[in-house]
């Protein structure tokens, strides 16, 4: 999908065009956020955050919870696996 007939600018970011084009690749699809500063990083989606030290947290109504993921949350392990895959691709 091409939004304009212009060359892509030289930058260190990622295009959000694959999200608009319904790409199945979660690395290309931008429903996650990655930030990095001073050797520390985090990658998050709409429900969880994975920190550089391996801490995995839930986001509850716009605020971080410091408690571990509930045992009854059967989807969290899949979210963790996905965020770990994204982090590995970003840091290798």
PDB file of N, CA and C in Angstrom:
ATOM      1  N   UNK A   1       0.849  -1.172   0.000  1.00  0.00           N
ATOM      2  CA  UNK A   1       0.000   0.000   0.000  1.00  0.00           C
ATOM      3  C   UNK A   1       0.893   1.234   0.000  1.00  0.00           C
ATOM      4  N   UNK A   2       0.673   2.115  -0.918  1.00  0.00           N
ATOM      5  CA  UNK A   2       1.449   3.345  -1.009  1.00  0.00           C
ATOM      6  C   UNK A   2       0.515   4.517  -0.727  1.00  0.00           C
ATOM      7  N   UNK A   3       0.899   5.340   0.221  1.00  0.00           N
ATOM      8  CA  UNK A   3       0.058   6.476   0.575  1.00  0.00           C
ATOM      9  C   UNK A   3       0.333   7.687  -0.309  1.00  0.00           C
ATOM     10  N   UNK A   4       1.559   7.830  -0.743  1.00  0.00           N
ATOM     11  CA  UNK A   4       1.938   8.940  -1.613  1.00  0.00           C
ATOM     12  C   UNK A   4       3.034   8.441  -2.539  1.00  0.00           C
ATOM     13  N   UNK A   5       3.199   9.102  -3.637  1.00  0.00           N
ATOM     14  CA  UNK A   5       4.237   8.686  -4.589  1.00  0.00           C
ATOM     15  C   UNK A   5       5.513   9.468  -4.315  1.00  0.00           C
ATOM     16  N   UNK A   6       5.976   9.379  -3.058  1.00  0.00           N
ATOM     17  CA  UNK A   6       7.184  10.057  -2.618  1.00  0.00           C
ATOM     18  C   UNK A   6       8.134   9.025  -2.028  1.00  0.00           C
ATOM     19  N   UNK A   7       9.436   9.257  -2.136  1.00  0.00           N
ATOM     20  CA  UNK A   7      10.370   8.318  -1.502  1.00  0.00           C
ATOM     21  C   UNK A   7      10.241   8.401   0.016  1.00  0.00           C
ATOM     22  N   UNK A   8      10.461   7.273   0.657  1.00  0.00           N
ATOM     23  CA  UNK A   8      10.395   7.243   2.122  1.00  0.00           C
ATOM     24  C   UNK A   8      11.539   8.059   2.706  1.00  0.00           C
ATOM     25  N   UNK A   9      11.292   8.828   3.758  1.00  0.00           N
ATOM     26  CA  UNK A   9      12.372   9.597   4.381  1.00  0.00           C
ATOM     27  C   UNK A   9      13.338   8.665   5.111  1.00  0.00           C
ATOM     28  N   UNK A  10      14.562   9.120   5.274  1.00  0.00           N
ATOM     29  CA  UNK A  10      15.564   8.348   6.003  1.00  0.00           C
ATOM     30  C   UNK A  10      15.382   8.626   7.493  1.00  0.00           C
ATOM     31  N   UNK A  11      14.854   7.646   8.221  1.00  0.00           N
ATOM     32  CA  UNK A  11      14.621   7.826   9.645  1.00  0.00           C
ATOM     33  C   UNK A  11      14.755   6.484  10.348  1.00  0.00           C
ATOM     34  N   UNK A  12      14.785   6.504  11.668  1.00  0.00           N
ATOM     35  CA  UNK A  12      14.954   5.260  12.431  1.00  0.00           C
ATOM     36  C   UNK A  12      13.626   4.673  12.899  1.00  0.00           C
ATOM     37  N   UNK A  13      12.531   5.236  12.484  1.00  0.00           N
ATOM     38  CA  UNK A  13      11.224   4.741  12.890  1.00  0.00           C
ATOM     39  C   UNK A  13      10.703   3.664  11.952  1.00  0.00           C
ATOM     40  N   UNK A  14       9.519   3.200  12.239  1.00  0.00           N
ATOM     41  CA  UNK A  14       8.858   2.188  11.419  1.00  0.00           C
ATOM     42  C   UNK A  14       7.568   2.791  10.851  1.00  0.00           C
ATOM     43  N   UNK A  15       7.273   2.431   9.640  1.00  0.00           N
ATOM     44  CA  UNK A  15       6.059   2.901   8.996  1.00  0.00           C
ATOM     45  C   UNK A  15       4.832   2.238   9.610  1.00  0.00           C
ATOM     46  N   UNK A  16       3.727   2.967   9.670  1.00  0.00           N
ATOM     47  CA  UNK A  16       2.480   2.383  10.131  1.00  0.00           C
ATOM     48  C   UNK A  16       1.620   1.915   8.958  1.00  0.00           C
ATOM     49  N   UNK A  17       2.129   2.034   7.737  1.00  0.00           N
ATOM     50  CA  UNK A  17       1.387   1.617   6.549  1.00  0.00           C
ATOM     51  C   UNK A  17       0.972   0.146   6.625  1.00  0.00           C
ATOM     52  N   UNK A  18       1.832  -0.796   7.094  1.00  0.00           N
ATOM     53  CA  UNK A  18       1.376  -2.186   7.178  1.00  0.00           C
ATOM     54  C   UNK A  18       0.138  -2.365   8.061  1.00  0.00           C
ATOM     55  N   UNK A  19      -0.026  -1.543   9.077  1.00  0.00           N
ATOM     56  CA  UNK A  19      -1.232  -1.616   9.903  1.00  0.00           C
ATOM     57  C   UNK A  19      -2.465  -1.232   9.089  1.00  0.00           C
ATOM     58  N   UNK A  20      -2.308  -0.243   8.244  1.00  0.00           N
ATOM     59  CA  UNK A  20      -3.416   0.173   7.397  1.00  0.00           C
ATOM     60  C   UNK A  20      -3.715  -0.871   6.324  1.00  0.00           C
ATOM     61  N   UNK A  21      -2.674  -1.617   5.957  1.00  0.00           N
ATOM     62  CA  UNK A  21      -2.794  -2.625   4.899  1.00  0.00           C
ATOM     63  C   UNK A  21      -3.130  -4.007   5.450  1.00  0.00           C
ATOM     64  N   UNK A  22      -3.399  -4.117   6.747  1.00  0.00           N
ATOM     65  CA  UNK A  22      -3.802  -5.371   7.401  1.00  0.00           C
ATOM     66  C   UNK A  22      -2.736  -6.458   7.312  1.00  0.00           C
ATOM     67  N   UNK A  23      -1.471  -6.087   7.489  1.00  0.00           N
ATOM     68  CA  UNK A  23      -0.392  -7.072   7.484  1.00  0.00           C
ATOM     69  C   UNK A  23      -0.562  -8.047   8.641  1.00  0.00           C
ATOM     70  N   UNK A  24      -0.374  -9.351   8.410  1.00  0.00           N
ATOM     71  CA  UNK A  24      -0.493 -10.323   9.499  1.00  0.00           C
ATOM     72  C   UNK A  24       0.758 -10.384  10.384  1.00  0.00           C
ATOM     73  N   UNK A  25       1.853  -9.761   9.970  1.00  0.00           N
ATOM     74  CA  UNK A  25       3.111  -9.808  10.718  1.00  0.00           C
ATOM     75  C   UNK A  25       3.039  -8.853  11.908  1.00  0.00           C
ATOM     76  N   UNK A  26       3.091  -9.368  13.168  1.00  0.00           N
ATOM     77  CA  UNK A  26       2.970  -8.475  14.332  1.00  0.00           C
ATOM     78  C   UNK A  26       4.126  -7.502  14.462  1.00  0.00           C
ATOM     79  N   UNK A  27       5.284  -7.811  13.842  1.00  0.00           N
ATOM     80  CA  UNK A  27       6.403  -6.878  13.889  1.00  0.00           C
ATOM     81  C   UNK A  27       6.108  -5.650  13.034  1.00  0.00           C
ATOM     82  N   UNK A  28       5.424  -5.869  11.930  1.00  0.00           N
ATOM     83  CA  UNK A  28       5.094  -4.755  11.041  1.00  0.00           C
ATOM     84  C   UNK A  28       3.826  -4.029  11.479  1.00  0.00           C
ATOM     85  N   UNK A  29       2.902  -4.762  12.030  1.00  0.00           N
ATOM     86  CA  UNK A  29       1.635  -4.183  12.459  1.00  0.00           C
ATOM     87  C   UNK A  29       1.853  -3.390  13.746  1.00  0.00           C
ATOM     88  N   UNK A  30       1.497  -2.139  13.750  1.00  0.00           N
ATOM     89  CA  UNK A  30       1.834  -1.275  14.872  1.00  0.00           C
ATOM     90  C   UNK A  30       0.714  -1.191  15.901  1.00  0.00           C
ATOM     91  N   UNK A  31       0.412  -2.292  16.560  1.00  0.00           N
ATOM     92  CA  UNK A  31      -0.480  -2.262  17.704  1.00  0.00           C
ATOM     93  C   UNK A  31       0.331  -2.490  18.970  1.00  0.00           C
ATOM     94  N   UNK A  32       1.612  -2.109  18.899  1.00  0.00           N
ATOM     95  CA  UNK A  32       2.541  -2.195  20.013  1.00  0.00           C
ATOM     96  C   UNK A  32       3.423  -0.958  19.980  1.00  0.00           C
ATOM     97  N   UNK A  33       4.061  -0.690  21.097  1.00  0.00           N
ATOM     98  CA  UNK A  33       4.947   0.474  21.234  1.00  0.00           C
ATOM     99  C   UNK A  33       6.255   0.012  21.853  1.00  0.00           C
ATOM    100  N   UNK A  34       7.366   0.527  21.357  1.00  0.00           N
ATOM    101  CA  UNK A  34       8.686   0.226  21.916  1.00  0.00           C
ATOM    102  C   UNK A  34       9.365   1.544  22.243  1.00  0.00           C
ATOM    103  N   UNK A  35       9.933   1.653  23.432  1.00  0.00           N
ATOM    104  CA  UNK A  35      10.739   2.811  23.795  1.00  0.00           C
ATOM    105  C   UNK A  35      12.038   2.332  24.406  1.00  0.00           C
ATOM    106  N   UNK A  36      13.076   3.148  24.234  1.00  0.00           N
ATOM    107  CA  UNK A  36      14.391   2.786  24.749  1.00  0.00           C
ATOM    108  C   UNK A  36      15.139   4.056  25.114  1.00  0.00           C
ATOM    109  N   UNK A  37      15.788   4.030  26.272  1.00  0.00           N
ATOM    110  CA  UNK A  37      16.605   5.157  26.720  1.00  0.00           C
ATOM    111  C   UNK A  37      17.600   4.657  27.752  1.00  0.00           C
ATOM    112  N   UNK A  38      18.843   5.065  27.602  1.00  0.00           N
ATOM    113  CA  UNK A  38      19.860   4.724  28.587  1.00  0.00           C
ATOM    114  C   UNK A  38      20.056   3.231  28.794  1.00  0.00           C
ATOM    115  N   UNK A  39      19.925   2.438  27.755  1.00  0.00           N
ATOM    116  CA  UNK A  39      20.108   0.995  27.873  1.00  0.00           C
ATOM    117  C   UNK A  39      18.905   0.248  28.425  1.00  0.00           C
ATOM    118  N   UNK A  40      17.878   0.972  28.795  1.00  0.00           N
ATOM    119  CA  UNK A  40      16.646   0.341  29.283  1.00  0.00           C
ATOM    120  C   UNK A  40      15.584   0.480  28.200  1.00  0.00           C
ATOM    121  N   UNK A  41      14.695  -0.502  28.120  1.00  0.00           N
ATOM    122  CA  UNK A  41      13.646  -0.471  27.118  1.00  0.00           C
ATOM    123  C   UNK A  41      12.381  -1.118  27.652  1.00  0.00           C
ATOM    124  N   UNK A  42      11.299  -0.887  26.941  1.00  0.00           N
ATOM    125  CA  UNK A  42      10.046  -1.581  27.207  1.00  0.00           C
ATOM    126  C   UNK A  42       9.305  -1.694  25.890  1.00  0.00           C
ATOM    127  N   UNK A  43       8.537  -2.763  25.786  1.00  0.00           N
ATOM    128  CA  UNK A  43       7.648  -2.952  24.645  1.00  0.00           C
ATOM    129  C   UNK A  43       6.283  -3.286  25.232  1.00  0.00           C
ATOM    130  N   UNK A  44       5.238  -2.665  24.675  1.00  0.00           N
ATOM    131  CA  UNK A  44       3.912  -2.868  25.240  1.00  0.00           C
ATOM    132  C   UNK A  44       2.876  -2.969  24.135  1.00  0.00           C
ATOM    133  N   UNK A  45       1.783  -3.602  24.476  1.00  0.00           N
ATOM    134  CA  UNK A  45       0.616  -3.606  23.614  1.00  0.00           C
ATOM    135  C   UNK A  45      -0.512  -2.958  24.399  1.00  0.00           C
ATOM    136  N   UNK A  46      -1.739  -3.210  24.029  1.00  0.00           N
ATOM    137  CA  UNK A  46      -2.877  -2.549  24.694  1.00  0.00           C
ATOM    138  C   UNK A  46      -3.134  -3.062  26.104  1.00  0.00           C
ATOM    139  N   UNK A  47      -2.552  -4.216  26.474  1.00  0.00           N
ATOM    140  CA  UNK A  47      -2.888  -4.826  27.764  1.00  0.00           C
ATOM    141  C   UNK A  47      -1.700  -5.061  28.691  1.00  0.00           C
ATOM    142  N   UNK A  48      -0.473  -5.168  28.137  1.00  0.00           N
ATOM    143  CA  UNK A  48       0.675  -5.553  28.953  1.00  0.00           C
ATOM    144  C   UNK A  48       1.929  -4.790  28.565  1.00  0.00           C
ATOM    145  N   UNK A  49       2.886  -4.776  29.501  1.00  0.00           N
ATOM    146  CA  UNK A  49       4.201  -4.181  29.269  1.00  0.00           C
ATOM    147  C   UNK A  49       5.269  -5.211  29.614  1.00  0.00           C
ATOM    148  N   UNK A  50       6.247  -5.360  28.729  1.00  0.00           N
ATOM    149  CA  UNK A  50       7.428  -6.177  28.990  1.00  0.00           C
ATOM    150  C   UNK A  50       8.606  -5.231  29.122  1.00  0.00           C
ATOM    151  N   UNK A  51       9.284  -5.264  30.274  1.00  0.00           N
ATOM    152  CA  UNK A  51      10.433  -4.397  30.540  1.00  0.00           C
ATOM    153  C   UNK A  51      11.740  -5.109  30.203  1.00  0.00           C
ATOM    154  N   UNK A  52      12.814  -4.323  30.074  1.00  0.00           N
ATOM    155  CA  UNK A  52      14.135  -4.849  29.724  1.00  0.00           C
ATOM    156  C   UNK A  52      14.624  -5.916  30.704  1.00  0.00           C
ATOM    157  N   UNK A  53      14.175  -5.861  31.948  1.00  0.00           N
ATOM    158  CA  UNK A  53      14.622  -6.827  32.960  1.00  0.00           C
ATOM    159  C   UNK A  53      13.744  -8.078  33.010  1.00  0.00           C
ATOM    160  N   UNK A  54      12.792  -8.183  32.046  1.00  0.00           N
ATOM    161  CA  UNK A  54      11.914  -9.344  32.001  1.00  0.00           C
ATOM    162  C   UNK A  54      10.628  -9.195  32.785  1.00  0.00           C
ATOM    163  N   UNK A  55      10.468  -8.075  33.494  1.00  0.00           N
ATOM    164  CA  UNK A  55       9.239  -7.831  34.234  1.00  0.00           C
ATOM    165  C   UNK A  55       8.082  -7.710  33.249  1.00  0.00           C
ATOM    166  N   UNK A  56       7.016  -8.417  33.521  1.00  0.00           N
ATOM    167  CA  UNK A  56       5.828  -8.427  32.674  1.00  0.00           C
ATOM    168  C   UNK A  56       4.664  -7.943  33.514  1.00  0.00           C
ATOM    169  N   UNK A  57       4.059  -6.845  33.112  1.00  0.00           N
ATOM    170  CA  UNK A  57       3.005  -6.240  33.903  1.00  0.00           C
ATOM    171  C   UNK A  57       1.731  -6.061  33.103  1.00  0.00           C
ATOM    172  N   UNK A  58       0.633  -6.021  33.818  1.00  0.00           N
ATOM    173  CA  UNK A  58      -0.665  -5.750  33.226  1.00  0.00           C
ATOM    174  C   UNK A  58      -0.951  -4.256  33.311  1.00  0.00           C
ATOM    175  N   UNK A  59      -1.665  -3.740  32.329  1.00  0.00           N
ATOM    176  CA  UNK A  59      -2.124  -2.355  32.361  1.00  0.00           C
ATOM    177  C   UNK A  59      -3.600  -2.410  32.723  1.00  0.00           C
ATOM    178  N   UNK A  60      -3.962  -1.741  33.787  1.00  0.00           N
ATOM    179  CA  UNK A  60      -5.337  -1.791  34.271  1.00  0.00           C
ATOM    180  C   UNK A  60      -5.937  -0.394  34.272  1.00  0.00           C
ATOM    181  N   UNK A  61      -6.864  -0.146  33.362  1.00  0.00           N
ATOM    182  CA  UNK A  61      -7.585   1.126  33.273  1.00  0.00           C
ATOM    183  C   UNK A  61      -6.627   2.317  33.297  1.00  0.00           C
ATOM    184  N   UNK A  62      -5.638   2.274  32.420  1.00  0.00           N
ATOM    185  CA  UNK A  62      -4.739   3.398  32.256  1.00  0.00           C
ATOM    186  C   UNK A  62      -3.662   3.530  33.307  1.00  0.00           C
ATOM    187  N   UNK A  63      -3.534   2.570  34.220  1.00  0.00           N
ATOM    188  CA  UNK A  63      -2.473   2.657  35.215  1.00  0.00           C
ATOM    189  C   UNK A  63      -1.774   1.302  35.327  1.00  0.00           C
ATOM    190  N   UNK A  64      -0.535   1.335  35.723  1.00  0.00           N
ATOM    191  CA  UNK A  64       0.214   0.090  35.892  1.00  0.00           C
ATOM    192  C   UNK A  64      -0.197  -0.615  37.165  1.00  0.00           C
ATOM    193  N   UNK A  65      -0.329  -1.900  37.090  1.00  0.00           N
ATOM    194  CA  UNK A  65      -0.503  -2.681  38.306  1.00  0.00           C
ATOM    195  C   UNK A  65       0.856  -3.261  38.653  1.00  0.00           C
ATOM    196  N   UNK A  66       1.150  -3.325  39.909  1.00  0.00           N
ATOM    197  CA  UNK A  66       2.428  -3.886  40.320  1.00  0.00           C
ATOM    198  C   UNK A  66       2.296  -5.341  40.715  1.00  0.00           C
ATOM    199  N   UNK A  67       1.082  -5.840  40.737  1.00  0.00           N
ATOM    200  CA  UNK A  67       0.885  -7.239  41.076  1.00  0.00           C
ATOM    201  C   UNK A  67       1.154  -8.107  39.851  1.00  0.00           C
ATOM    202  N   UNK A  68       1.521  -9.359  40.076  1.00  0.00           N
ATOM    203  CA  UNK A  68       1.763 -10.241  38.942  1.00  0.00           C
ATOM    204  C   UNK A  68       0.473 -10.504  38.153  1.00  0.00           C
ATOM    205  N   UNK A  69       0.654 -11.019  36.951  1.00  0.00           N
ATOM    206  CA  UNK A  69      -0.494 -11.372  36.124  1.00  0.00           C
ATOM    207  C   UNK A  69      -1.290 -12.457  36.853  1.00  0.00           C
ATOM    208  N   UNK A  70      -2.593 -12.324  36.852  1.00  0.00           N
ATOM    209  CA  UNK A  70      -3.450 -13.298  37.542  1.00  0.00           C
ATOM    210  C   UNK A  70      -3.356 -14.676  36.886  1.00  0.00           C
ATOM    211  N   UNK A  71      -3.402 -15.719  37.697  1.00  0.00           N
ATOM    212  CA  UNK A  71      -3.384 -17.087  37.187  1.00  0.00           C
ATOM    213  C   UNK A  71      -4.596 -17.375  36.316  1.00  0.00           C
ATOM    214  N   UNK A  72      -5.666 -16.646  36.517  1.00  0.00           N
ATOM    215  CA  UNK A  72      -6.879 -16.869  35.734  1.00  0.00           C
ATOM    216  C   UNK A  72      -6.809 -16.224  34.351  1.00  0.00           C
ATOM    217  N   UNK A  73      -5.788 -15.403  34.130  1.00  0.00           N
ATOM    218  CA  UNK A  73      -5.623 -14.752  32.826  1.00  0.00           C
ATOM    219  C   UNK A  73      -4.964 -15.742  31.877  1.00  0.00           C
ATOM    220  N   UNK A  74      -5.758 -16.405  31.068  1.00  0.00           N
ATOM    221  CA  UNK A  74      -5.250 -17.441  30.167  1.00  0.00           C
ATOM    222  C   UNK A  74      -4.638 -16.870  28.896  1.00  0.00           C
ATOM    223  N   UNK A  75      -4.854 -15.584  28.628  1.00  0.00           N
ATOM    224  CA  UNK A  75      -4.336 -14.962  27.413  1.00  0.00           C
ATOM    225  C   UNK A  75      -2.961 -14.337  27.641  1.00  0.00           C
ATOM    226  N   UNK A  76      -2.651 -13.934  28.874  1.00  0.00           N
ATOM    227  CA  UNK A  76      -1.390 -13.248  29.175  1.00  0.00           C
ATOM    228  C   UNK A  76      -0.149 -14.014  28.710  1.00  0.00           C
ATOM    229  N   UNK A  77      -0.061 -15.333  28.887  1.00  0.00           N
ATOM    230  CA  UNK A  77       1.142 -16.024  28.399  1.00  0.00           C
ATOM    231  C   UNK A  77       1.364 -15.842  26.894  1.00  0.00           C
ATOM    232  N   UNK A  78       0.300 -15.755  26.127  1.00  0.00           N
ATOM    233  CA  UNK A  78       0.431 -15.541  24.686  1.00  0.00           C
ATOM    234  C   UNK A  78       0.877 -14.104  24.395  1.00  0.00           C
ATOM    235  N   UNK A  79       0.380 -13.161  25.197  1.00  0.00           N
ATOM    236  CA  UNK A  79       0.822 -11.769  25.039  1.00  0.00           C
ATOM    237  C   UNK A  79       2.303 -11.648  25.389  1.00  0.00           C
ATOM    238  N   UNK A  80       2.722 -12.321  26.463  1.00  0.00           N
ATOM    239  CA  UNK A  80       4.133 -12.303  26.854  1.00  0.00           C
ATOM    240  C   UNK A  80       4.993 -12.869  25.732  1.00  0.00           C
ATOM    241  N   UNK A  81       4.593 -13.982  25.181  1.00  0.00           N
ATOM    242  CA  UNK A  81       5.347 -14.610  24.085  1.00  0.00           C
ATOM    243  C   UNK A  81       5.466 -13.662  22.893  1.00  0.00           C
ATOM    244  N   UNK A  82       4.395 -12.984  22.565  1.00  0.00           N
ATOM    245  CA  UNK A  82       4.400 -12.042  21.442  1.00  0.00           C
ATOM    246  C   UNK A  82       5.321 -10.853  21.731  1.00  0.00           C
ATOM    247  N   UNK A  83       5.234 -10.291  22.937  1.00  0.00           N
ATOM    248  CA  UNK A  83       6.093  -9.157  23.286  1.00  0.00           C
ATOM    249  C   UNK A  83       7.558  -9.567  23.334  1.00  0.00           C
ATOM    250  N   UNK A  84       7.849 -10.778  23.803  1.00  0.00           N
ATOM    251  CA  UNK A  84       9.227 -11.281  23.804  1.00  0.00           C
ATOM    252  C   UNK A  84       9.751 -11.417  22.377  1.00  0.00           C
ATOM    253  N   UNK A  85       8.915 -11.905  21.471  1.00  0.00           N
ATOM    254  CA  UNK A  85       9.311 -12.020  20.062  1.00  0.00           C
ATOM    255  C   UNK A  85       9.615 -10.648  19.481  1.00  0.00           C
ATOM    256  N   UNK A  86       8.756  -9.678  19.757  1.00  0.00           N
ATOM    257  CA  UNK A  86       8.994  -8.318  19.262  1.00  0.00           C
ATOM    258  C   UNK A  86      10.293  -7.747  19.835  1.00  0.00           C
ATOM    259  N   UNK A  87      10.503  -7.921  21.145  1.00  0.00           N
ATOM    260  CA  UNK A  87      11.720  -7.403  21.783  1.00  0.00           C
ATOM    261  C   UNK A  87      12.964  -8.048  21.185  1.00  0.00           C
ATOM    262  N   UNK A  88      12.918  -9.335  20.934  1.00  0.00           N
ATOM    263  CA  UNK A  88      14.062 -10.033  20.341  1.00  0.00           C
ATOM    264  C   UNK A  88      14.362  -9.492  18.951  1.00  0.00           C
ATOM    265  N   UNK A  89      13.345  -9.271  18.164  1.00  0.00           N
ATOM    266  CA  UNK A  89      13.551  -8.734  16.818  1.00  0.00           C
ATOM    267  C   UNK A  89      14.074  -7.298  16.853  1.00  0.00           C
ATOM    268  N   UNK A  90      13.663  -6.525  17.845  1.00  0.00           N
ATOM    269  CA  UNK A  90      14.103  -5.143  17.949  1.00  0.00           C
ATOM    270  C   UNK A  90      15.530  -5.033  18.480  1.00  0.00           C
ATOM    271  N   UNK A  91      15.976  -5.978  19.259  1.00  0.00           N
ATOM    272  CA  UNK A  91      17.274  -5.872  19.928  1.00  0.00           C
ATOM    273  C   UNK A  91      18.331  -6.809  19.357  1.00  0.00           C
ATOM    274  N   UNK A  92      18.066  -7.417  18.239  1.00  0.00           N
ATOM    275  CA  UNK A  92      19.073  -8.262  17.562  1.00  0.00           C
ATOM    276  C   UNK A  92      19.402  -7.706  16.214  1.00  0.00           C
TER     277      UNK A  92
END
